[in-house]
Protein backbone atom coordinates (compact mmCIF):
# COMPACT_ATOMS: atom_id res chain seq x y z
CA UNK A 1 14.55 -0.99 -8.67
CA UNK A 2 17.62 -0.58 -6.35
CA UNK A 3 15.36 -1.22 -3.13
CA UNK A 4 14.03 -4.05 -4.53
CA UNK A 5 17.62 -5.63 -5.10
CA UNK A 6 18.41 -4.53 -1.58
CA UNK A 7 15.32 -6.53 -0.23
CA UNK A 8 16.50 -9.87 -2.43
CA UNK A 9 19.80 -9.18 -0.75
CA UNK A 10 18.19 -8.68 2.75
CA UNK A 11 16.30 -11.98 2.20
CA UNK A 12 19.45 -14.18 0.83
CA UNK A 13 21.41 -12.65 3.46
CA UNK A 14 19.26 -13.53 6.36
CA UNK A 15 18.79 -16.86 5.15
CA UNK A 16 22.34 -17.53 4.88
CA UNK A 17 22.86 -15.87 8.16
CA UNK A 18 20.20 -18.26 9.74
CA UNK A 19 21.63 -21.29 8.30
CA UNK A 20 25.38 -20.85 8.58
CA UNK A 21 26.53 -18.24 10.93
CA UNK A 22 27.17 -18.86 14.66
CA UNK A 23 23.89 -18.29 16.76
CA UNK A 24 25.88 -15.12 18.39
CA UNK A 25 26.41 -13.58 15.04
CA UNK A 26 22.82 -14.11 13.85
CA UNK A 27 21.28 -12.28 17.21
CA UNK A 28 23.28 -9.16 15.99
CA UNK A 29 20.93 -9.32 12.90
CA UNK A 30 18.05 -10.12 14.86
CA UNK A 31 18.74 -7.31 17.44
CA UNK A 32 18.56 -4.95 14.35
CA UNK A 33 15.17 -6.26 13.36
CA UNK A 34 13.63 -5.83 16.97
CA UNK A 35 15.14 -2.18 16.88
CA UNK A 36 13.63 -1.48 13.62
CA UNK A 37 10.63 -3.09 14.18
CA UNK A 38 9.80 -0.90 17.31
CA UNK A 39 10.73 2.35 15.13
CA UNK A 40 8.28 1.02 12.76
CA UNK A 41 5.21 0.54 15.40
CA UNK A 42 6.13 4.11 16.86
CA UNK A 43 5.72 5.61 13.43
CA UNK A 44 2.70 4.07 12.34
CA UNK A 45 -0.04 6.25 14.23
CA UNK A 46 2.11 9.42 12.94
CA UNK A 47 1.88 8.38 9.65
CA UNK A 48 -1.73 8.11 10.04
CA UNK A 49 -2.30 11.30 11.85
CA UNK A 50 -0.09 13.70 9.71
CA UNK A 51 -0.66 12.38 6.42
CA UNK A 52 -4.40 11.79 6.25
CA UNK A 53 -5.06 14.84 7.96
CA UNK A 54 -2.54 16.90 5.52
CA UNK A 55 -4.46 15.19 2.52
CA UNK A 56 -7.97 16.22 3.83
CA UNK A 57 -6.79 19.64 4.87
CA UNK A 58 -5.48 20.03 1.25
CA UNK A 59 -8.37 19.28 -0.88
CA UNK A 60 -9.62 22.12 -2.88
CA UNK A 61 -12.61 23.79 -2.34
CA UNK A 62 -13.81 25.12 -5.36
CA UNK A 63 -15.50 22.88 -7.87
CA UNK A 64 -17.36 21.18 -5.34
CA UNK A 65 -19.39 19.16 -7.53
CA UNK A 66 -16.05 17.61 -9.52
CA UNK A 67 -14.77 17.04 -5.97
CA UNK A 68 -17.30 14.96 -4.63
CA UNK A 69 -17.74 12.98 -8.10
CA UNK A 70 -13.62 12.23 -8.20
CA UNK A 71 -13.31 11.22 -4.38
CA UNK A 72 -16.52 8.99 -5.18
CA UNK A 73 -15.20 7.45 -7.94
CA UNK A 74 -11.77 6.94 -6.60
CA UNK A 75 -13.07 5.39 -3.47
CA UNK A 76 -15.59 3.37 -5.17
CA UNK A 77 -12.81 1.91 -7.42
CA UNK A 78 -10.33 1.19 -4.35
CA UNK A 79 -13.10 -0.87 -2.48
CA UNK A 80 -14.50 -2.96 -5.44
CA UNK A 81 -10.95 -3.73 -6.41
CA UNK A 82 -10.11 -4.76 -3.03
CA UNK A 83 -13.25 -6.86 -2.68
CA UNK A 84 -12.88 -8.66 -6.07
CA UNK A 85 -9.16 -9.51 -4.90
CA UNK A 86 -10.60 -11.10 -1.53
CA UNK A 87 -13.22 -13.20 -3.74
CA UNK A 88 -10.34 -14.28 -6.20
CA UNK A 89 -8.17 -15.15 -3.37
CA UNK A 90 -10.84 -17.10 -1.70
CA UNK A 91 -11.39 -19.23 -4.99
CA UNK A 92 -7.85 -20.04 -5.19
CA UNK A 93 -6.96 -21.26 -1.96
CA UNK A 94 -5.49 -24.30 -2.82
CA UNK A 95 -2.16 -22.29 -4.21
CA UNK A 96 -1.46 -21.01 -0.84
CA UNK A 97 0.28 -23.82 1.25
CA UNK A 98 3.17 -23.60 3.74
CA UNK A 99 3.79 -22.03 7.31
CA UNK A 100 5.40 -18.67 7.96
CA UNK A 101 4.99 -18.72 11.96
CA UNK A 102 7.78 -20.51 13.77
CA UNK A 103 7.06 -22.37 16.73
CA UNK A 104 7.81 -20.75 19.76
CA UNK A 105 10.17 -23.47 21.05
CA UNK A 106 12.26 -22.85 17.94
CA UNK A 107 12.00 -19.16 17.72
CA UNK A 108 13.17 -18.78 21.38
CA UNK A 109 16.56 -19.70 20.26
CA UNK A 110 17.20 -16.02 19.11
CA UNK A 111 17.45 -13.55 21.68
CA UNK A 112 18.46 -9.62 21.00
CA UNK A 113 21.35 -8.15 22.60
CA UNK A 114 19.22 -5.08 23.66
CA UNK A 115 15.57 -5.07 25.09
CA UNK A 116 14.22 -1.88 23.43
CA UNK A 117 10.58 -0.81 23.72
CA UNK A 118 9.37 2.10 21.71
CA UNK A 119 5.51 2.56 22.05
CA UNK A 120 3.65 4.28 19.95
CA UNK A 121 2.11 7.81 21.47
CA UNK A 122 -1.19 6.91 20.42
CA UNK A 123 -3.47 3.84 19.34
CA UNK A 124 -3.82 3.65 15.43
CA UNK A 125 -7.99 4.30 15.75
CA UNK A 126 -7.09 7.57 17.71
CA UNK A 127 -4.61 8.74 15.13
CA UNK A 128 -7.11 7.92 12.54
CA UNK A 129 -10.06 9.75 14.27
CA UNK A 130 -7.72 12.78 14.92
CA UNK A 131 -6.79 12.91 11.50
CA UNK A 132 -10.33 13.53 10.26
CA UNK A 133 -11.35 15.76 12.93
CA UNK A 134 -8.42 17.97 12.42
CA UNK A 135 -8.31 17.70 8.46
CA UNK A 136 -11.84 18.45 8.37
CA UNK A 137 -11.72 21.16 10.64
CA UNK A 138 -8.63 22.90 9.06
CA UNK A 139 -10.50 22.48 5.70
CA UNK A 140 -13.71 23.99 6.74
CA UNK A 141 -12.39 26.76 9.10
CA UNK A 142 -9.42 27.76 6.80
CA UNK A 143 -6.89 27.26 9.36
CA UNK A 144 -3.73 28.11 7.47
CA UNK A 145 -1.37 28.16 10.51
CA UNK A 146 -2.59 24.43 11.68
CA UNK A 147 -2.56 23.58 7.90
CA UNK A 148 1.05 24.53 8.02
CA UNK A 149 1.88 22.41 11.14
CA UNK A 150 -0.01 19.22 9.84
CA UNK A 151 1.91 19.53 6.35
CA UNK A 152 5.44 20.06 8.36
CA UNK A 153 4.46 17.05 10.18
CA UNK A 154 3.85 14.91 7.29
CA UNK A 155 7.25 16.04 5.71
CA UNK A 156 9.21 15.14 9.14
CA UNK A 157 7.28 11.74 8.97
CA UNK A 158 8.24 11.40 4.99
CA UNK A 159 11.53 12.32 5.66
CA UNK A 160 12.03 9.79 8.48
CA UNK A 161 10.38 7.21 6.09
CA UNK A 162 12.77 7.77 2.97
CA UNK A 163 15.94 8.47 4.89
CA UNK A 164 15.94 5.80 7.91
CA UNK A 165 13.06 3.58 7.56
CA UNK A 166 13.04 2.53 4.07
CA UNK A 167 16.60 2.33 3.89
CA UNK A 168 16.57 -0.01 6.92
CA UNK A 169 14.08 -2.50 5.72
CA UNK A 170 16.56 -4.61 3.94
CA UNK A 171 18.21 -5.52 7.54
CA UNK A 172 14.80 -5.65 8.98
CA UNK A 173 13.68 -8.33 6.63
CA UNK A 174 16.84 -9.79 6.84
CA UNK A 175 16.76 -10.39 10.49
CA UNK A 176 13.11 -11.75 9.96
CA UNK A 177 14.38 -14.34 7.27
CA UNK A 178 17.42 -15.10 9.77
CA UNK A 179 14.74 -16.23 12.21
CA UNK A 180 12.89 -18.28 9.88
CA UNK A 181 15.78 -19.94 8.72
CA UNK A 182 16.73 -20.81 12.58
CA UNK A 183 13.09 -22.03 12.97
CA UNK A 184 13.18 -24.02 9.95
CA UNK A 185 10.15 -22.71 7.96
CA UNK A 186 12.06 -20.60 5.35
CA UNK A 187 11.25 -22.80 2.52
CA UNK A 188 7.74 -23.27 3.00
CA UNK A 189 7.54 -19.18 2.87
CA UNK A 190 9.86 -18.55 -0.26
CA UNK A 191 7.88 -21.26 -2.37
CA UNK A 192 4.80 -19.10 -1.86
CA UNK A 193 6.44 -15.75 -2.64
CA UNK A 194 6.22 -16.10 -6.66
CA UNK A 195 2.84 -17.11 -6.60
CA UNK A 196 1.66 -14.41 -4.45
CA UNK A 197 3.25 -11.79 -6.72
CA UNK A 198 1.95 -13.32 -10.07
CA UNK A 199 -1.36 -13.24 -8.41
CA UNK A 200 -1.11 -9.57 -7.65
CA UNK A 201 -0.11 -8.46 -10.83
CA UNK A 202 -2.41 -10.64 -12.56
CA UNK A 203 -5.12 -9.30 -10.87
CA UNK A 204 -4.21 -5.70 -11.17
CA UNK A 205 -4.53 -6.32 -15.34
CA UNK A 206 -7.71 -8.29 -14.66
CA UNK A 207 -9.31 -5.14 -12.79
CA UNK A 208 -7.66 -2.51 -15.57
CA UNK A 209 -9.14 -5.02 -18.39
CA UNK A 210 -12.80 -4.65 -16.47
CA UNK A 211 -12.70 -0.98 -16.32
CA UNK A 212 -11.76 -0.08 -19.57
CA UNK A 213 -13.96 -2.60 -21.15
CA UNK A 214 -16.95 -1.58 -18.88
CA UNK A 215 -15.82 2.01 -19.38
CA UNK A 216 -15.77 1.97 -23.26
CA UNK A 217 -18.94 -0.02 -23.97
CA UNK A 218 -20.63 2.78 -21.78
CA UNK A 219 -19.29 5.40 -23.07
CA UNK A 220 -19.31 4.04 -26.50
CA UNK A 221 -15.66 4.50 -26.89
CA UNK A 222 -13.12 1.63 -28.36
CA UNK A 223 -11.38 0.13 -25.15
CA UNK A 224 -8.62 -0.52 -26.74
CA UNK A 225 -8.10 3.27 -27.85
CA UNK A 226 -8.45 4.04 -24.45
CA UNK A 227 -5.97 1.58 -23.16
CA UNK A 228 -3.24 2.54 -25.91
CA UNK A 229 -3.60 6.28 -24.71
CA UNK A 230 -2.94 5.16 -21.10
CA UNK A 231 -0.11 3.08 -21.72
CA UNK A 232 2.49 5.54 -21.46
CA UNK A 233 1.25 6.50 -17.93
CA UNK A 234 1.47 2.97 -17.08
CA UNK A 235 4.90 2.31 -18.14
CA UNK A 236 6.13 5.61 -16.58
CA UNK A 237 4.60 4.62 -13.34
CA UNK A 238 6.45 1.07 -13.52
CA UNK A 239 9.49 3.34 -13.62
CA UNK A 240 9.06 5.76 -11.34
CA UNK A 241 7.03 3.72 -8.90
CA UNK A 242 5.54 6.94 -8.08
CA UNK A 243 1.88 8.34 -8.97
CA UNK A 244 2.97 11.87 -8.46
CA UNK A 245 6.03 11.76 -10.66
CA UNK A 246 3.69 10.27 -13.63
CA UNK A 247 1.02 13.15 -13.12
CA UNK A 248 2.45 15.26 -16.23
CA UNK A 249 2.28 11.94 -18.45
CA UNK A 250 -1.30 10.92 -16.86
CA UNK A 251 -2.49 14.70 -17.58
CA UNK A 252 -1.57 14.18 -21.16
CA UNK A 253 -2.78 10.86 -21.63
CA UNK A 254 -6.08 11.87 -20.07
CA UNK A 255 -6.53 14.50 -22.33
CA UNK A 256 -5.73 12.35 -25.42
CA UNK A 257 -8.62 10.24 -24.34
CA UNK A 258 -10.77 13.37 -24.86
CA UNK A 259 -11.03 14.49 -21.16
CA UNK A 260 -11.47 18.11 -20.87
CA UNK A 261 -8.68 20.80 -19.95
CA UNK A 262 -10.23 21.67 -16.57
CA UNK A 263 -11.55 17.73 -15.65
CA UNK A 264 -8.31 16.46 -16.43
CA UNK A 265 -6.13 19.25 -14.52
CA UNK A 266 -8.24 19.06 -11.54
CA UNK A 267 -8.94 14.96 -10.98
CA UNK A 268 -5.64 13.35 -12.42
CA UNK A 269 -3.65 15.11 -9.54
CA UNK A 270 -6.33 14.31 -6.94
CA UNK A 271 -6.59 10.88 -7.99
CA UNK A 272 -2.69 10.63 -7.94
CA UNK A 273 -3.41 10.81 -3.64
CA UNK A 274 -6.83 9.30 -3.15
CA UNK A 275 -7.24 6.64 -6.01
CA UNK A 276 -5.52 3.10 -4.85
CA UNK A 277 -7.03 0.70 -6.57
CA UNK A 278 -3.84 -1.26 -7.47
CA UNK A 279 -2.05 -0.76 -4.29
CA UNK A 280 -5.32 -2.21 -2.33
CA UNK A 281 -5.17 -5.30 -4.86
CA UNK A 282 -1.76 -6.12 -3.72
CA UNK A 283 -2.40 -5.51 0.11
CA UNK A 284 -5.20 -7.40 0.29
CA UNK A 285 -3.87 -10.09 -1.98
CA UNK A 286 -0.58 -10.56 0.27
CA UNK A 287 -2.52 -10.31 3.37
CA UNK A 288 -4.65 -13.06 2.43
CA UNK A 289 -1.93 -15.53 1.34
CA UNK A 290 -0.16 -14.52 4.58
CA UNK A 291 -2.82 -15.56 6.81
CA UNK A 292 -3.43 -18.73 4.52
CA UNK A 293 0.31 -19.50 5.41
CA UNK A 294 0.03 -18.84 8.89
CA UNK A 295 -1.22 -22.14 11.17
CA UNK A 296 -2.41 -19.51 13.92
CA UNK A 297 -4.74 -17.09 11.85
CA UNK A 298 -8.33 -17.83 10.90
CA UNK A 299 -8.64 -17.31 7.34
CA UNK A 300 -11.35 -14.38 7.16
CA UNK A 301 -14.40 -14.40 4.88
CA UNK A 302 -15.39 -11.75 2.39
CA UNK A 303 -17.91 -10.21 5.38
CA UNK A 304 -15.01 -10.18 7.67
CA UNK A 305 -12.84 -8.66 5.16
CA UNK A 306 -15.00 -5.75 4.06
CA UNK A 307 -14.28 -3.58 7.09
CA UNK A 308 -10.39 -3.84 6.40
CA UNK A 309 -10.97 -2.77 3.02
CA UNK A 310 -13.24 0.05 3.34
CA UNK A 311 -10.80 1.52 6.21
CA UNK A 312 -7.45 0.64 3.76
CA UNK A 313 -9.25 2.95 1.34
CA UNK A 314 -9.14 5.84 3.87
CA UNK A 315 -5.65 5.12 5.56
CA UNK A 316 -3.86 5.46 2.34
CA UNK A 317 -5.40 8.76 1.19
CA UNK A 318 -2.10 10.83 0.55
CA UNK A 319 0.29 7.84 1.14
CA UNK A 320 3.78 8.91 1.51
CA UNK A 321 5.99 9.27 -1.69
CA UNK A 322 8.55 6.83 -0.80
CA UNK A 323 8.24 3.52 -2.16
CA UNK A 324 6.16 1.18 0.01
CA UNK A 325 4.17 4.43 1.25
CA UNK A 326 0.76 2.71 0.71
CA UNK A 327 1.96 -0.65 2.68
CA UNK A 328 3.91 1.76 5.48
CA UNK A 329 0.30 3.35 6.05
CA UNK A 330 -1.35 -0.09 5.94
CA UNK A 331 0.38 -1.27 8.93
CA UNK A 332 -1.67 -0.22 11.61
CA UNK A 333 -4.57 -1.99 10.11
CA UNK A 334 -2.97 -5.31 9.34
CA UNK A 335 -1.85 -5.30 13.29
CA UNK A 336 -5.35 -3.79 14.76
CA UNK A 337 -7.75 -5.29 12.70
CA UNK A 338 -6.05 -8.67 11.04
CA UNK A 339 -3.75 -9.68 13.75
CA UNK A 340 -0.28 -9.73 11.81
CA UNK A 341 2.53 -10.13 14.32
CA UNK A 342 6.33 -9.36 13.32
CA UNK A 343 6.94 -11.80 10.83
CA UNK A 344 3.80 -11.44 9.13
CA UNK A 345 4.28 -7.59 8.71
CA UNK A 346 7.61 -8.26 7.37
CA UNK A 347 6.50 -10.60 4.94
CA UNK A 348 3.99 -8.21 3.58
CA UNK A 349 6.54 -5.18 3.29
CA UNK A 350 8.66 -7.60 1.04
CA UNK A 351 5.87 -9.01 -0.96
CA UNK A 352 4.41 -5.30 -1.44
CA UNK A 353 7.79 -3.57 -2.62
CA UNK A 354 8.57 -6.41 -4.53
CA UNK A 355 5.66 -5.15 -6.99
CA UNK A 356 5.16 -1.64 -6.07
CA UNK A 357 5.86 -0.41 -9.76
CA UNK A 358 3.15 -2.93 -10.94
CA UNK A 359 1.00 -1.36 -8.34
CA UNK A 360 1.46 2.12 -9.16
CA UNK A 361 0.95 1.66 -12.57
CA UNK A 362 -2.58 -0.04 -11.89
CA UNK A 363 -3.39 3.18 -9.71
CA UNK A 364 -2.18 5.82 -12.41
CA UNK A 365 -3.87 3.54 -15.42
CA UNK A 366 -7.09 3.50 -13.20
CA UNK A 367 -6.87 7.30 -12.64
CA UNK A 368 -7.69 7.99 -16.47
CA UNK A 369 -11.17 5.81 -16.19
CA UNK A 370 -11.93 7.92 -13.38
CA UNK A 371 -11.41 11.20 -15.14
CA UNK A 372 -13.48 9.82 -18.12
CA UNK A 373 -16.39 9.39 -15.79
CA UNK A 374 -15.91 12.58 -13.79
CA UNK A 375 -15.81 14.39 -17.54
CA UNK A 376 -19.10 12.89 -18.38
CA UNK A 377 -21.05 13.75 -15.91
CA UNK A 378 -19.52 17.43 -16.05
CA UNK A 379 -20.95 17.46 -19.24
CA UNK A 380 -24.37 16.31 -18.37
CA UNK A 381 -24.43 18.68 -15.39
CA UNK A 382 -23.58 21.78 -17.71
């Protein structure tokens, strides 16, 4: 919650700076935005490389049938949730109106004091391919030393996110909103903020309702009872904003729903890192809203968004534990596949972090449904 308060302060501070401070002082804030933005761009491929490689290399090799079922259910849930989010946003296009992209003639008024470029060491797709090659190779060949390298690389990037980039985000977003205020587009942007956040949270609840009703009917269990047992995990995730920190409560909730000890102990911790249906719903909803707001971006169809959703379910594997880890992992796809610029990226980060706790809660509660299905098919296999 302290991060959300800082982000709100950054938005308000940036708007006030853009409207009332002398141009020279506002350009100091703009310079900070440019530097932080360069650092974020440099870090994106490293997030993908180390986190995905470490996540794949760390998948357990025992209980192969449980592993396949859990990964299959988790990925399917993530993709279906993202697809439904696209359909619902396309259906509600009338709610997203305005503009976030400033005109070049106006935006040119702000200039940074430092011209700094930090080019990424590799492209997003190169990082993704390398992550899969090394992750699978480390797992199959049992390369302990190389596993330590990718784990330590992940720890370095995680520390960079937690200690530098995430704390610097309020200044980055303040710079972006100062730029919008100078350009005169900030009112349109803020008017859509609330609509997008309400839409994302509403889709979380709709997705969870669908999951539990379908699961309850097919497993001949009471959906209300299943939801009631998972509520402690939902509210714990809202408070912690971390799927990993909620694992103990999620385990207890899944066992209360009748999931066996073996299945719960295996599937719940694994789903905490690979099942991100709530985060996918939020990222897809916010991305679509940002594209609707941008007069220079073409609104994609469902078929055009599907490759993005499929890739999103992969790049968020083992998303960093820092708040906003999922959206930080997704930035590479937003820029490479959807063509987001700095203004759109900053708005995406602000929107995502404003509801991060609800997205995490949706992820965690959905883990309980996956555990139920894995338990059901495990019983049939015995």
